[in-house]
C-alpha cells in the first residue's frame, strides 16, 4: 500500500488518500540501506520513529519525511503508530488531519 510498491509504478490517481497525506521517503541513516537500493524500512518491524534500524534522524525529537506532494514534514518521534501507518498507506481511506 506504499507509493513504492513492487516494480510497477504508481500514478497520482493510485493515491486516493491524497498526496499531502502520503509519505514518499523518510530519513533512515542508520538502517544499513543504501540510498540507491530498492528496499524499504518495514514499519511492521520498526513501527516507531527513532529506532536506528528503522526511520531515525540526527535531529532531536523526530524525523524528516518527504510527502508525495513534495512537502517536507518533520514528524515527532512521539507520533502514534496508527497515524504513522496511515501516512505510509496511500489507499487505506484513513486520512490524517493535523500531525
N, C-alpha and C. Protein backbone atom coordinates (compact mmCIF):
# COMPACT_ATOMS: atom_id res chain seq x y z
N UNK A 1 0.78 -1.22 0.00
CA UNK A 1 0.00 0.00 0.00
C UNK A 1 0.82 1.27 0.00
N UNK A 2 2.16 1.18 -0.03
CA UNK A 2 3.01 2.37 -0.07
C UNK A 2 3.14 2.86 -1.50
N UNK A 3 3.77 4.02 -1.69
CA UNK A 3 3.91 4.56 -3.04
C UNK A 3 4.98 3.85 -3.87
N UNK A 4 5.95 3.24 -3.23
CA UNK A 4 6.96 2.46 -3.94
C UNK A 4 6.68 1.00 -3.64
N UNK A 5 5.81 0.42 -4.44
CA UNK A 5 5.33 -0.93 -4.18
C UNK A 5 5.65 -1.81 -5.38
N UNK A 6 6.59 -2.73 -5.19
CA UNK A 6 6.94 -3.62 -6.28
C UNK A 6 7.64 -2.89 -7.41
N UNK A 7 7.67 -3.49 -8.57
CA UNK A 7 8.37 -2.91 -9.71
C UNK A 7 7.46 -2.04 -10.58
N UNK A 8 6.17 -2.06 -10.30
CA UNK A 8 5.21 -1.28 -11.08
C UNK A 8 5.13 0.15 -10.54
N UNK A 9 5.09 1.11 -11.41
CA UNK A 9 4.98 2.49 -10.99
C UNK A 9 3.59 2.82 -10.43
N UNK A 10 3.55 3.84 -9.60
CA UNK A 10 2.29 4.31 -9.02
C UNK A 10 1.97 5.67 -9.64
N UNK A 11 0.74 5.85 -10.03
CA UNK A 11 0.28 7.14 -10.58
C UNK A 11 -0.44 7.93 -9.50
N UNK A 12 -0.60 9.21 -9.73
CA UNK A 12 -1.28 10.06 -8.75
C UNK A 12 -2.68 9.53 -8.44
N UNK A 13 -3.41 9.05 -9.44
CA UNK A 13 -4.76 8.55 -9.17
C UNK A 13 -4.75 7.24 -8.38
N UNK A 14 -3.56 6.64 -8.19
CA UNK A 14 -3.42 5.45 -7.35
C UNK A 14 -3.22 5.82 -5.88
N UNK A 15 -3.32 7.13 -5.57
CA UNK A 15 -3.13 7.63 -4.21
C UNK A 15 -4.41 8.34 -3.78
N UNK A 16 -5.49 7.60 -3.57
CA UNK A 16 -6.75 8.24 -3.22
C UNK A 16 -6.75 8.92 -1.85
N UNK A 17 -5.81 8.58 -0.98
CA UNK A 17 -5.73 9.25 0.33
C UNK A 17 -5.17 10.66 0.21
N UNK A 18 -4.61 10.99 -0.95
CA UNK A 18 -4.09 12.33 -1.19
C UNK A 18 -2.58 12.40 -1.08
N UNK A 19 -1.99 13.21 -1.94
CA UNK A 19 -0.53 13.32 -1.97
C UNK A 19 0.03 14.02 -0.74
N UNK A 20 -0.76 14.87 -0.08
CA UNK A 20 -0.28 15.54 1.13
C UNK A 20 -0.48 14.68 2.37
N UNK A 21 -1.18 13.56 2.22
CA UNK A 21 -1.42 12.63 3.34
C UNK A 21 -0.63 11.34 3.19
N UNK A 22 0.33 11.30 2.27
CA UNK A 22 1.04 10.06 1.99
C UNK A 22 2.54 10.31 1.93
N UNK A 23 3.30 9.52 2.70
CA UNK A 23 4.76 9.62 2.74
C UNK A 23 5.36 8.97 1.51
N UNK A 24 6.37 9.62 0.94
CA UNK A 24 7.13 9.04 -0.16
C UNK A 24 8.47 8.49 0.35
N UNK A 25 9.21 9.31 1.09
CA UNK A 25 10.56 8.96 1.52
C UNK A 25 10.80 9.52 2.92
N UNK A 26 11.56 8.77 3.73
CA UNK A 26 11.91 9.24 5.06
C UNK A 26 13.37 9.00 5.38
N UNK A 27 13.86 9.70 6.40
CA UNK A 27 15.25 9.54 6.83
C UNK A 27 15.45 8.20 7.52
N UNK A 28 16.50 7.51 7.14
CA UNK A 28 16.86 6.23 7.77
C UNK A 28 18.38 6.06 7.65
N UNK A 29 19.16 6.99 8.26
CA UNK A 29 20.60 7.00 8.03
C UNK A 29 21.36 5.81 8.61
N UNK A 30 20.77 5.12 9.55
CA UNK A 30 21.49 4.02 10.21
C UNK A 30 20.87 2.66 9.89
N UNK A 31 19.96 2.60 8.95
CA UNK A 31 19.23 1.37 8.65
C UNK A 31 20.00 0.41 7.75
N UNK A 32 21.22 0.72 7.40
CA UNK A 32 22.04 -0.14 6.54
C UNK A 32 21.38 -0.39 5.18
N UNK A 33 20.70 0.63 4.67
CA UNK A 33 20.10 0.58 3.34
C UNK A 33 20.74 1.69 2.52
N UNK A 34 21.39 1.32 1.43
CA UNK A 34 21.97 2.34 0.56
C UNK A 34 20.86 3.17 -0.05
N UNK A 35 21.09 4.45 -0.26
CA UNK A 35 20.04 5.31 -0.78
C UNK A 35 19.60 4.91 -2.17
N UNK A 36 20.43 4.20 -2.91
CA UNK A 36 20.07 3.74 -4.25
C UNK A 36 19.46 2.35 -4.26
N UNK A 37 19.41 1.71 -3.11
CA UNK A 37 18.90 0.34 -3.02
C UNK A 37 17.37 0.32 -2.97
N UNK A 38 16.74 -0.47 -3.80
CA UNK A 38 15.27 -0.52 -3.80
C UNK A 38 14.72 -1.41 -2.67
N UNK A 39 14.94 -0.98 -1.44
CA UNK A 39 14.45 -1.73 -0.29
C UNK A 39 13.88 -0.74 0.70
N UNK A 40 12.83 -1.13 1.38
CA UNK A 40 12.15 -0.24 2.30
C UNK A 40 12.41 -0.60 3.75
N UNK A 41 12.19 0.38 4.62
CA UNK A 41 12.12 0.12 6.05
C UNK A 41 10.76 -0.50 6.30
N UNK A 42 10.72 -1.63 6.96
CA UNK A 42 9.46 -2.31 7.24
C UNK A 42 8.85 -1.74 8.52
N UNK A 43 7.78 -0.95 8.38
CA UNK A 43 7.19 -0.34 9.56
C UNK A 43 6.44 -1.33 10.44
N UNK A 44 6.22 -2.54 9.94
CA UNK A 44 5.65 -3.58 10.80
C UNK A 44 6.71 -4.05 11.80
N UNK A 45 7.97 -4.05 11.39
CA UNK A 45 9.07 -4.46 12.27
C UNK A 45 9.56 -3.27 13.10
N UNK A 46 9.62 -2.09 12.49
CA UNK A 46 10.09 -0.88 13.17
C UNK A 46 8.97 0.16 13.13
N UNK A 47 7.95 0.00 13.96
CA UNK A 47 6.75 0.84 13.87
C UNK A 47 6.89 2.26 14.42
N UNK A 48 7.91 2.53 15.21
CA UNK A 48 8.08 3.86 15.77
C UNK A 48 9.22 4.60 15.12
N UNK A 49 9.32 5.87 15.43
CA UNK A 49 10.41 6.68 14.92
C UNK A 49 11.53 6.72 15.95
N UNK A 50 12.76 6.75 15.47
CA UNK A 50 13.90 6.86 16.36
C UNK A 50 14.69 5.57 16.52
N UNK A 51 14.17 4.45 16.04
CA UNK A 51 14.90 3.19 16.09
C UNK A 51 15.98 3.25 15.00
N UNK A 52 17.26 3.05 15.36
CA UNK A 52 18.33 3.16 14.36
C UNK A 52 18.17 2.23 13.15
N UNK A 53 17.51 1.11 13.30
CA UNK A 53 17.31 0.20 12.17
C UNK A 53 16.11 0.60 11.32
N UNK A 54 15.29 1.49 11.84
CA UNK A 54 14.12 1.96 11.11
C UNK A 54 14.30 3.42 10.71
N UNK A 55 13.21 4.18 10.78
CA UNK A 55 13.29 5.60 10.47
C UNK A 55 13.84 6.33 11.68
N UNK A 56 14.92 7.06 11.45
CA UNK A 56 15.57 7.80 12.53
C UNK A 56 16.26 9.02 11.94
N UNK A 57 16.86 9.81 12.81
CA UNK A 57 17.49 11.03 12.36
C UNK A 57 18.46 11.51 13.41
N UNK A 58 19.37 12.39 13.01
CA UNK A 58 20.23 13.07 13.97
C UNK A 58 19.54 14.30 14.55
N UNK A 59 18.35 14.63 14.03
CA UNK A 59 17.57 15.75 14.56
C UNK A 59 16.93 15.32 15.88
N UNK A 60 16.91 16.21 16.83
CA UNK A 60 16.31 15.90 18.12
C UNK A 60 14.79 15.95 18.00
N UNK A 61 14.13 14.89 18.44
CA UNK A 61 12.68 14.89 18.57
C UNK A 61 11.88 14.36 17.41
N UNK A 62 12.52 14.00 16.30
CA UNK A 62 11.73 13.50 15.19
C UNK A 62 12.55 13.22 13.95
N UNK A 63 11.82 13.00 12.86
CA UNK A 63 12.42 12.57 11.60
C UNK A 63 11.76 13.35 10.46
N UNK A 64 12.55 13.73 9.45
CA UNK A 64 12.02 14.39 8.26
C UNK A 64 11.51 13.37 7.26
N UNK A 65 10.37 13.70 6.65
CA UNK A 65 9.78 12.86 5.61
C UNK A 65 9.38 13.72 4.43
N UNK A 66 9.56 13.18 3.24
CA UNK A 66 9.11 13.81 2.02
C UNK A 66 7.73 13.23 1.69
N UNK A 67 6.75 14.10 1.59
CA UNK A 67 5.41 13.67 1.23
C UNK A 67 5.33 13.58 -0.30
N UNK A 68 4.35 12.89 -0.80
CA UNK A 68 4.20 12.72 -2.25
C UNK A 68 3.98 14.07 -2.94
N UNK A 69 3.37 15.03 -2.27
CA UNK A 69 3.13 16.34 -2.89
C UNK A 69 4.38 17.22 -2.93
N UNK A 70 5.51 16.72 -2.39
CA UNK A 70 6.76 17.47 -2.41
C UNK A 70 7.07 18.21 -1.13
N UNK A 71 6.13 18.28 -0.21
CA UNK A 71 6.37 18.95 1.07
C UNK A 71 7.25 18.07 1.95
N UNK A 72 8.08 18.72 2.76
CA UNK A 72 8.89 18.00 3.75
C UNK A 72 8.26 18.27 5.11
N UNK A 73 8.00 17.19 5.84
CA UNK A 73 7.37 17.31 7.17
C UNK A 73 8.29 16.70 8.21
N UNK A 74 8.42 17.38 9.33
CA UNK A 74 9.16 16.87 10.46
C UNK A 74 8.14 16.20 11.39
N UNK A 75 8.21 14.88 11.46
CA UNK A 75 7.27 14.14 12.29
C UNK A 75 7.89 13.84 13.64
N UNK A 76 7.15 14.11 14.69
CA UNK A 76 7.61 13.89 16.06
C UNK A 76 7.85 12.41 16.31
N UNK A 77 8.88 12.11 17.08
CA UNK A 77 9.12 10.72 17.47
C UNK A 77 8.02 10.19 18.37
N UNK A 78 7.15 11.06 18.83
CA UNK A 78 6.01 10.65 19.67
C UNK A 78 4.74 10.42 18.87
N UNK A 79 4.82 10.43 17.55
CA UNK A 79 3.65 10.21 16.71
C UNK A 79 3.05 8.83 17.02
N UNK A 80 1.75 8.75 17.01
CA UNK A 80 1.07 7.48 17.25
C UNK A 80 1.33 6.51 16.11
N UNK A 81 1.49 5.24 16.43
CA UNK A 81 1.77 4.22 15.42
C UNK A 81 0.71 4.14 14.34
N UNK A 82 -0.57 4.26 14.74
CA UNK A 82 -1.65 4.21 13.74
C UNK A 82 -1.55 5.38 12.76
N UNK A 83 -1.23 6.56 13.27
CA UNK A 83 -1.10 7.73 12.42
C UNK A 83 0.05 7.54 11.43
N UNK A 84 1.17 7.03 11.92
CA UNK A 84 2.31 6.79 11.04
C UNK A 84 1.97 5.77 9.96
N UNK A 85 1.31 4.69 10.31
CA UNK A 85 0.90 3.69 9.31
C UNK A 85 -0.03 4.30 8.28
N UNK A 86 -0.96 5.14 8.73
CA UNK A 86 -1.89 5.79 7.80
C UNK A 86 -1.15 6.70 6.81
N UNK A 87 -0.10 7.36 7.27
CA UNK A 87 0.68 8.23 6.39
C UNK A 87 1.47 7.44 5.35
N UNK A 88 1.83 6.21 5.67
CA UNK A 88 2.57 5.37 4.73
C UNK A 88 1.66 4.67 3.74
N UNK A 89 0.40 4.54 4.06
CA UNK A 89 -0.52 3.80 3.20
C UNK A 89 -1.26 4.77 2.31
N UNK A 90 -1.15 4.57 1.02
CA UNK A 90 -1.70 5.51 0.04
C UNK A 90 -3.17 5.32 -0.26
N UNK A 91 -3.74 4.18 0.16
CA UNK A 91 -5.10 3.87 -0.27
C UNK A 91 -5.93 3.14 0.79
N UNK A 92 -5.72 3.49 2.07
CA UNK A 92 -6.49 2.82 3.12
C UNK A 92 -7.75 3.60 3.53
N UNK A 93 -7.90 4.82 3.01
CA UNK A 93 -9.08 5.62 3.33
C UNK A 93 -9.02 6.31 4.68
N UNK A 94 -7.92 6.13 5.41
CA UNK A 94 -7.74 6.77 6.71
C UNK A 94 -6.94 8.05 6.53
N UNK A 95 -7.64 9.14 6.26
CA UNK A 95 -6.99 10.41 6.03
C UNK A 95 -6.51 10.99 7.35
N UNK A 96 -5.35 11.62 7.32
CA UNK A 96 -4.73 12.18 8.51
C UNK A 96 -4.92 13.68 8.48
N UNK A 97 -5.43 14.23 9.58
CA UNK A 97 -5.60 15.68 9.67
C UNK A 97 -4.29 16.33 10.07
N UNK A 98 -4.26 16.97 11.22
CA UNK A 98 -3.04 17.59 11.71
C UNK A 98 -2.13 16.53 12.31
N UNK A 99 -0.86 16.61 11.98
CA UNK A 99 0.11 15.68 12.56
C UNK A 99 1.43 16.37 12.80
